[in-house]
Amino acid sequence: EHKSTRGASPMMLLSNAPEPPPEINLKESCDHLLEIGALTHTPLEESIDTYRLTSLGYHLSHLPMDAKVGKVLIVGCILQCLEPALTIAAVLSSSKSCWLSFIPGVDRSS
């Protein structure tokens, strides 16, 4: 079988790291990427979860941002509505909401 069609197991790969991340964190990350369509699940055996990048996942891997924000930008480019996509991506990337200053009782000093 050709290696590129098998997929890879992040759990097996990262288990050899000096400080491997908890398996539950890897599972949640893979689930998140499956949810947005960046990975496909290709089980090698029943006990080993393997995954492959989709075309979307390949393009997202080249963007230095959260996968959901990157997907907004990629879909915005495909649908030729980049300006609204950039606005949405900027809002999603902001750690502080610009709308908080309009809400009474919200401390604006922090």
Foldseek 3Di string as FASTA:
>chain_A
DDPQVQAAFPCVVQVPPPDRDDPVVVVVVVVVCVVVQQWDWRDPDPVTTGIHGDPLVVVLVPDPDDSVLSVLQVVCVVVVNNVVSVVVSVQVPDPDHPCQVVDPPRDPPD
